[in-house]
C-alpha atoms as a PDB file:
ATOM      1  CA  MET A   1     -18.011   0.471 -20.292  1.00  0.00           C
ATOM      2  CA  THR A   2     -15.829  -1.404 -21.239  1.00  0.00           C
ATOM      3  CA  THR A   3     -16.636  -5.020 -21.924  1.00  0.00           C
ATOM      4  CA  CYS A   4     -14.484  -7.963 -21.618  1.00  0.00           C
ATOM      5  CA  ARG A   5     -16.160 -10.684 -23.345  1.00  0.00           C
ATOM      6  CA  LEU A   6     -14.169 -13.642 -24.719  1.00  0.00           C
ATOM      7  CA  VAL A   7     -10.859 -13.103 -22.472  1.00  0.00           C
ATOM      8  CA  PHE A   8     -11.856 -11.637 -18.762  1.00  0.00           C
ATOM      9  CA  THR A   9     -14.856 -10.895 -16.776  1.00  0.00           C
ATOM     10  CA  GLU A  10     -13.817 -10.017 -13.485  1.00  0.00           C
ATOM     11  CA  ARG A  11     -10.096  -9.430 -14.659  1.00  0.00           C
ATOM     12  CA  CYS A  12     -10.992  -6.537 -17.268  1.00  0.00           C
ATOM     13  CA  ASN A  13      -7.287  -4.937 -18.389  1.00  0.00           C
ATOM     14  CA  GLN A  14      -5.232  -7.463 -16.740  1.00  0.00           C
ATOM     15  CA  MET A  15      -2.317  -9.249 -18.530  1.00  0.00           C
ATOM     16  CA  LEU A  16      -3.296 -13.233 -19.255  1.00  0.00           C
ATOM     17  CA  SER A  17      -1.126 -15.645 -18.289  1.00  0.00           C
ATOM     18  CA  TYR A  18       0.810 -18.210 -20.281  1.00  0.00           C
ATOM     19  CA  ASP A  19      -2.021 -21.050 -20.267  1.00  0.00           C
ATOM     20  CA  GLU A  20      -4.887 -18.318 -19.981  1.00  0.00           C
ATOM     21  CA  ALA A  21      -3.644 -17.170 -23.547  1.00  0.00           C
ATOM     22  CA  LYS A  22      -3.356 -20.263 -24.736  1.00  0.00           C
ATOM     23  CA  THR A  23      -6.464 -21.554 -24.149  1.00  0.00           C
ATOM     24  CA  LEU A  24      -8.002 -18.234 -25.802  1.00  0.00           C
ATOM     25  CA  LEU A  25      -5.743 -18.682 -28.865  1.00  0.00           C
ATOM     26  CA  ILE A  26      -7.150 -21.792 -29.091  1.00  0.00           C
ATOM     27  CA  ARG A  27     -10.460 -21.469 -28.966  1.00  0.00           C
ATOM     28  CA  GLY A  28     -10.158 -18.122 -31.132  1.00  0.00           C
ATOM     29  CA  LEU A  29      -8.497 -20.181 -33.611  1.00  0.00           C
ATOM     30  CA  LEU A  30     -11.260 -22.772 -33.793  1.00  0.00           C
ATOM     31  CA  GLN A  31     -14.128 -20.520 -33.891  1.00  0.00           C
ATOM     32  CA  ALA A  32     -12.418 -18.258 -36.805  1.00  0.00           C
ATOM     33  CA  ALA A  33     -11.989 -21.739 -38.533  1.00  0.00           C
ATOM     34  CA  ASP A  34     -15.636 -22.580 -38.112  1.00  0.00           C
ATOM     35  CA  ARG A  35     -16.786 -19.019 -39.433  1.00  0.00           C
ATOM     36  CA  HIS A  36     -14.605 -19.674 -41.860  1.00  0.00           C
ATOM     37  CA  GLU A  37     -16.308 -22.503 -43.327  1.00  0.00           C
ATOM     38  CA  VAL A  38     -19.412 -21.541 -43.757  1.00  0.00           C
ATOM     39  CA  GLY A  39     -18.793 -18.011 -44.836  1.00  0.00           C
ATOM     40  CA  ALA A  40     -18.860 -15.920 -42.273  1.00  0.00           C
ATOM     41  CA  TYR A  41     -15.423 -13.647 -42.487  1.00  0.00           C
ATOM     42  CA  GLU A  42     -16.784 -10.980 -40.932  1.00  0.00           C
ATOM     43  CA  LYS A  43     -16.724 -12.619 -37.661  1.00  0.00           C
ATOM     44  CA  LEU A  44     -13.189 -14.097 -38.251  1.00  0.00           C
ATOM     45  CA  GLY A  45     -11.771 -11.669 -35.640  1.00  0.00           C
ATOM     46  CA  ASP A  46     -14.440 -12.038 -33.231  1.00  0.00           C
ATOM     47  CA  GLY A  47     -12.061 -12.336 -29.875  1.00  0.00           C
ATOM     48  CA  PHE A  48      -8.956 -11.121 -31.377  1.00  0.00           C
ATOM     49  CA  GLU A  49      -8.773  -7.692 -29.895  1.00  0.00           C
ATOM     50  CA  GLU A  50      -9.644  -8.764 -26.290  1.00  0.00           C
ATOM     51  CA  ILE A  51      -6.485 -11.368 -26.332  1.00  0.00           C
ATOM     52  CA  ASP A  52      -4.472  -8.975 -28.282  1.00  0.00           C
ATOM     53  CA  SER A  53      -4.831  -6.830 -25.141  1.00  0.00           C
ATOM     54  CA  GLY A  54      -3.708  -9.324 -22.802  1.00  0.00           C
ATOM     55  CA  LEU A  55      -1.040 -10.844 -23.943  1.00  0.00           C
ATOM     56  CA  PRO A  56       2.023  -9.620 -22.070  1.00  0.00           C
ATOM     57  CA  ARG A  57       4.625  -7.088 -24.141  1.00  0.00           C
ATOM     58  CA  ASP A  58       7.605  -8.177 -22.575  1.00  0.00           C
ATOM     59  CA  ARG A  59       8.217 -10.832 -25.265  1.00  0.00           C
ATOM     60  CA  ARG A  60       8.943 -13.807 -23.469  1.00  0.00           C
ATOM     61  CA  PRO A  61      10.015 -16.609 -25.084  1.00  0.00           C
ATOM     62  CA  GLU A  62       7.380 -19.066 -23.853  1.00  0.00           C
ATOM     63  CA  PHE A  63       4.919 -16.629 -25.738  1.00  0.00           C
ATOM     64  CA  SER A  64       6.974 -17.035 -29.060  1.00  0.00           C
ATOM     65  CA  LYS A  65       4.436 -19.379 -30.339  1.00  0.00           C
ATOM     66  CA  LEU A  66       1.430 -17.481 -29.088  1.00  0.00           C
ATOM     67  CA  TYR A  67       2.731 -14.358 -30.994  1.00  0.00           C
ATOM     68  CA  THR A  68       2.830 -16.543 -34.080  1.00  0.00           C
ATOM     69  CA  ALA A  69      -0.779 -17.736 -33.379  1.00  0.00           C
ATOM     70  CA  LEU A  70      -1.887 -14.278 -32.879  1.00  0.00           C
ATOM     71  CA  ASN A  71      -0.051 -12.746 -35.738  1.00  0.00           C
ATOM     72  CA  PHE A  72      -1.814 -15.645 -37.841  1.00  0.00           C
ATOM     73  CA  TRP A  73      -5.206 -14.586 -36.792  1.00  0.00           C
ATOM     74  CA  ASP A  74      -4.442 -11.030 -37.417  1.00  0.00           C
ATOM     75  CA  SER A  75      -3.060 -11.730 -41.029  1.00  0.00           C
ATOM     76  CA  TRP A  76      -6.398 -14.151 -41.639  1.00  0.00           C
ATOM     77  CA  VAL A  77      -8.549 -11.366 -40.999  1.00  0.00           C
ATOM     78  CA  ASP A  78      -6.693  -8.804 -43.039  1.00  0.00           C
ATOM     79  CA  ALA A  79      -6.755 -11.562 -46.061  1.00  0.00           C
ATOM     80  CA  SER A  80     -10.584 -11.703 -45.690  1.00  0.00           C
ATOM     81  CA  ASN A  81     -10.829  -7.982 -46.093  1.00  0.00           C
ATOM     82  CA  HIS A  82      -8.774  -8.002 -48.892  1.00  0.00           C
ATOM     83  CA  GLN A  83      -9.960 -10.885 -51.371  1.00  0.00           C
ATOM     84  CA  TRP A  84      -7.274 -13.185 -49.767  1.00  0.00           C
ATOM     85  CA  LYS A  85      -4.335 -11.095 -51.734  1.00  0.00           C
ATOM     86  CA  TYR A  86      -1.029 -10.528 -50.407  1.00  0.00           C
ATOM     87  CA  TYR A  87      -0.150 -13.922 -48.549  1.00  0.00           C
ATOM     88  CA  PRO A  88       1.471 -15.712 -51.590  1.00  0.00           C
ATOM     89  CA  GLY A  89       1.312 -19.328 -51.493  1.00  0.00           C
ATOM     90  CA  ILE A  90      -1.843 -19.256 -48.989  1.00  0.00           C
ATOM     91  CA  GLU A  91      -5.516 -19.464 -51.270  1.00  0.00           C
ATOM     92  CA  ALA A  92      -8.764 -18.810 -48.980  1.00  0.00           C
ATOM     93  CA  LYS A  93      -9.392 -22.456 -48.271  1.00  0.00           C
ATOM     94  CA  ASP A  94      -5.874 -22.650 -46.485  1.00  0.00           C
ATOM     95  CA  TRP A  95      -6.348 -20.457 -43.729  1.00  0.00           C
ATOM     96  CA  PRO A  96      -8.697 -22.993 -41.901  1.00  0.00           C
ATOM     97  CA  VAL A  97      -6.806 -25.868 -42.489  1.00  0.00           C
ATOM     98  CA  LEU A  98      -3.595 -23.915 -41.200  1.00  0.00           C
ATOM     99  CA  ALA A  99      -5.084 -22.618 -37.795  1.00  0.00           C
ATOM    100  CA  ARG A 100      -6.397 -26.157 -37.048  1.00  0.00           C
ATOM    101  CA  ARG A 101      -2.558 -26.857 -37.278  1.00  0.00           C
ATOM    102  CA  ILE A 102      -1.750 -24.023 -35.065  1.00  0.00           C
ATOM    103  CA  VAL A 103      -4.081 -25.283 -32.779  1.00  0.00           C
ATOM    104  CA  ALA A 104      -2.851 -29.159 -32.762  1.00  0.00           C
ATOM    105  CA  ASP A 105       0.490 -27.622 -31.876  1.00  0.00           C
ATOM    106  CA  LEU A 106      -0.866 -25.510 -29.281  1.00  0.00           C
ATOM    107  CA  GLN A 107      -2.751 -28.017 -27.651  1.00  0.00           C
ATOM    108  CA  VAL A 108       0.138 -30.262 -26.829  1.00  0.00           C
ATOM    109  CA  ASP A 109       2.649 -27.165 -26.144  1.00  0.00           C
ATOM    110  CA  ARG A 110       5.130 -27.681 -28.887  1.00  0.00           C
ATOM    111  CA  GLU A 111       6.637 -24.910 -31.346  1.00  0.00           C
ATOM    112  CA  ILE A 112       4.773 -24.370 -34.380  1.00  0.00           C
ATOM    113  CA  THR A 113       6.728 -25.926 -37.209  1.00  0.00           C
ATOM    114  CA  ASP A 114       4.792 -25.178 -40.328  1.00  0.00           C
ATOM    115  CA  PRO A 115       6.541 -24.150 -43.003  1.00  0.00           C
ATOM    116  CA  LEU A 116       4.415 -21.847 -44.361  1.00  0.00           C
ATOM    117  CA  VAL A 117       3.107 -20.325 -41.116  1.00  0.00           C
ATOM    118  CA  PHE A 118       6.546 -19.706 -39.657  1.00  0.00           C
ATOM    119  CA  LYS A 119       7.378 -18.195 -42.925  1.00  0.00           C
ATOM    120  CA  TRP A 120       4.700 -15.483 -43.137  1.00  0.00           C
ATOM    121  CA  PHE A 121       3.713 -15.412 -39.369  1.00  0.00           C
ATOM    122  CA  ALA A 122       6.609 -16.266 -36.635  1.00  0.00           C
ATOM    123  CA  PRO A 123       7.496 -13.292 -34.804  1.00  0.00           C
ATOM    124  CA  GLN A 124      10.905 -11.343 -35.684  1.00  0.00           C
ATOM    125  CA  LYS A 125      14.081 -12.806 -34.332  1.00  0.00           C
ATOM    126  CA  GLN A 126      15.472  -9.337 -33.494  1.00  0.00           C
ATOM    127  CA  SER A 127      14.306  -8.294 -29.782  1.00  0.00           C
ATOM    128  CA  PHE A 128      12.766  -5.044 -29.374  1.00  0.00           C
ATOM    129  CA  SER A 129      16.146  -3.679 -27.799  1.00  0.00           C
ATOM    130  CA  SER A 130      18.306  -4.259 -30.090  1.00  0.00           C
ATOM    131  CA  LEU A 131      16.359  -2.742 -32.711  1.00  0.00           C
ATOM    132  CA  THR A 132      15.834   0.381 -30.536  1.00  0.00           C
ATOM    133  CA  HIS A 133      19.860   0.462 -30.630  1.00  0.00           C
ATOM    134  CA  LYS A 134      20.205   0.417 -34.565  1.00  0.00           C
ATOM    135  CA  LEU A 135      17.624   3.198 -34.968  1.00  0.00           C
ATOM    136  CA  GLY A 136      19.499   4.963 -32.337  1.00  0.00           C
ATOM    137  CA  LYS A 137      22.525   4.553 -34.608  1.00  0.00           C
ATOM    138  CA  LEU A 138      21.212   5.634 -37.602  1.00  0.00           C
ATOM    139  CA  ILE A 139      19.102   8.539 -36.184  1.00  0.00           C
ATOM    140  CA  LYS A 140      22.998   9.929 -35.055  1.00  0.00           C
ATOM    141  CA  LYS A 141      24.309   9.613 -38.667  1.00  0.00           C
END
C-alpha cells in the first residue's frame, strides 16, 4: 500500500500544482535545514521522494525554480552520504544556509539567483526535445 505522507493524502499519485509544490518544497527544505543543524543527517531527505514524484515532468518555465530547489535538496542528501565531498565551494555548514536562501526566494516567488546555488543546481538550459534531436543525429552517424 502506498502512503503519501508529506505531499498527498487524498490525491496520492496526482501531479502537484505549482503552489502546492512550492509550499511543500519550502516546508521540506526548512525541515531539512533544522535536521542538519542538529546532526540528523539521515533524515535530510525525508519527504523528498513524495515531492519529486508529484512534480510535473513537462518542465513548464514556472517550475524552473522548483526544479532548482529540488536538485539542491537531492544533492544535499548526496553530499551528506559522501562526507560532504563532490560540491567544491560548499562545506557541510553551508547547506542549511543555502537552503534558507532558496526558501526566501521561493516564499516571495522570485527566481533563485544565489550564484553558488545557480552554478550547481539550476536545471539545464537545454530542453529535452533538443537533446533528443541531437542524440538522434549522433546515433545515425
